[in-house]
Structures are given as C-alpha cells and as structure tokens.
Amino acid sequence: MKQKTAAVLAHRTEVERGALPGVIAGLPPDVRERLFATEWFIRHTPVTAAPAQTELTA
C-alpha cells in the first residue's frame, strides 16, 4: 500500500488541474489508507470455458 500511495502522491501537482491525484493528496493519511485498502481488477481478455468432453471427444 505504501508504494501505491507514493505513486499517487508523486503526481500531487495535478491538484491545480483538479485531477484525482491532487484530490487524493489532500486527504488525511487515514482516509487515503481506507481508500487504497481494496483493489479492483478488470480482466480485459475474457476466459472461455473449455468445451465439455463426451465419449466422442475424449
């Protein structure tokens, strides 16, 4: 979590443009920790299930 926070805070000069790193930099440290406590991932390449095997395909 420390690396993620450091990466976002490295862009805190974005605050002048109203970008999210600047907003996050303005939050109290305990709020930032709660914000970064959960990560979400989106799979961009769908995984297809293998076709079911039958006696004819086994």
Protein backbone atom coordinates (compact mmCIF):
# COMPACT_ATOMS: atom_id res chain seq x y z
CA MET A 1 0.00 0.00 0.00
CA LYS A 2 2.91 2.35 0.67
CA GLN A 3 4.11 2.06 -2.94
CA LYS A 4 0.66 2.80 -4.30
CA THR A 5 0.28 5.86 -2.08
CA ALA A 6 3.75 7.11 -3.02
CA ALA A 7 2.96 6.68 -6.73
CA VAL A 8 -0.23 8.73 -6.47
CA LEU A 9 1.39 11.41 -4.32
CA ALA A 10 4.21 11.75 -6.85
CA HIS A 11 1.59 13.38 -9.10
CA ARG A 12 0.15 15.75 -6.49
CA THR A 13 0.97 18.77 -8.69
CA GLU A 14 -2.08 17.74 -10.70
CA VAL A 15 -4.15 19.42 -7.98
CA GLU A 16 -4.10 22.66 -9.95
CA ARG A 17 -6.00 20.92 -12.74
CA GLY A 18 -8.40 19.25 -10.32
CA ALA A 19 -7.17 15.79 -11.28
CA LEU A 20 -7.66 12.84 -8.94
CA PRO A 21 -4.02 12.59 -7.69
CA GLY A 22 -4.30 16.11 -6.33
CA VAL A 23 -7.60 15.36 -4.63
CA ILE A 24 -6.16 12.20 -3.07
CA ALA A 25 -3.08 14.12 -1.91
CA GLY A 26 -5.36 16.47 0.01
CA LEU A 27 -6.97 13.66 2.01
CA PRO A 28 -5.82 12.85 5.54
CA PRO A 29 -3.47 9.82 5.67
CA ASP A 30 -6.02 7.58 7.43
CA VAL A 31 -8.62 8.30 4.74
CA ARG A 32 -6.08 7.54 1.98
CA GLU A 33 -5.32 4.20 3.66
CA ARG A 34 -9.00 3.26 3.67
CA LEU A 35 -9.34 4.38 0.07
CA PHE A 36 -6.45 2.19 -1.06
CA ALA A 37 -7.33 -0.77 1.17
CA THR A 38 -9.32 -2.52 -1.59
CA GLU A 39 -8.13 -3.15 -5.12
CA TRP A 40 -10.30 -3.97 -8.07
CA PHE A 41 -9.10 -5.63 -11.24
CA ILE A 42 -10.83 -5.88 -14.60
CA ARG A 43 -9.97 -8.72 -16.93
CA HIS A 44 -9.78 -7.36 -20.47
CA THR A 45 -9.37 -10.69 -22.21
CA PRO A 46 -12.30 -12.97 -21.49
CA VAL A 47 -11.53 -16.51 -20.46
CA THR A 48 -13.67 -19.06 -22.21
CA ALA A 49 -14.53 -22.33 -20.56
CA ALA A 50 -13.16 -25.47 -22.15
CA PRO A 51 -15.80 -27.43 -24.01
CA ALA A 52 -17.29 -30.34 -22.11
CA GLN A 53 -15.80 -33.68 -23.04
CA THR A 54 -18.04 -36.54 -24.08
CA GLU A 55 -17.27 -40.11 -25.04
CA LEU A 56 -17.00 -38.95 -28.65
CA THR A 57 -14.46 -36.20 -27.97
CA ALA A 58 -12.45 -37.82 -25.18
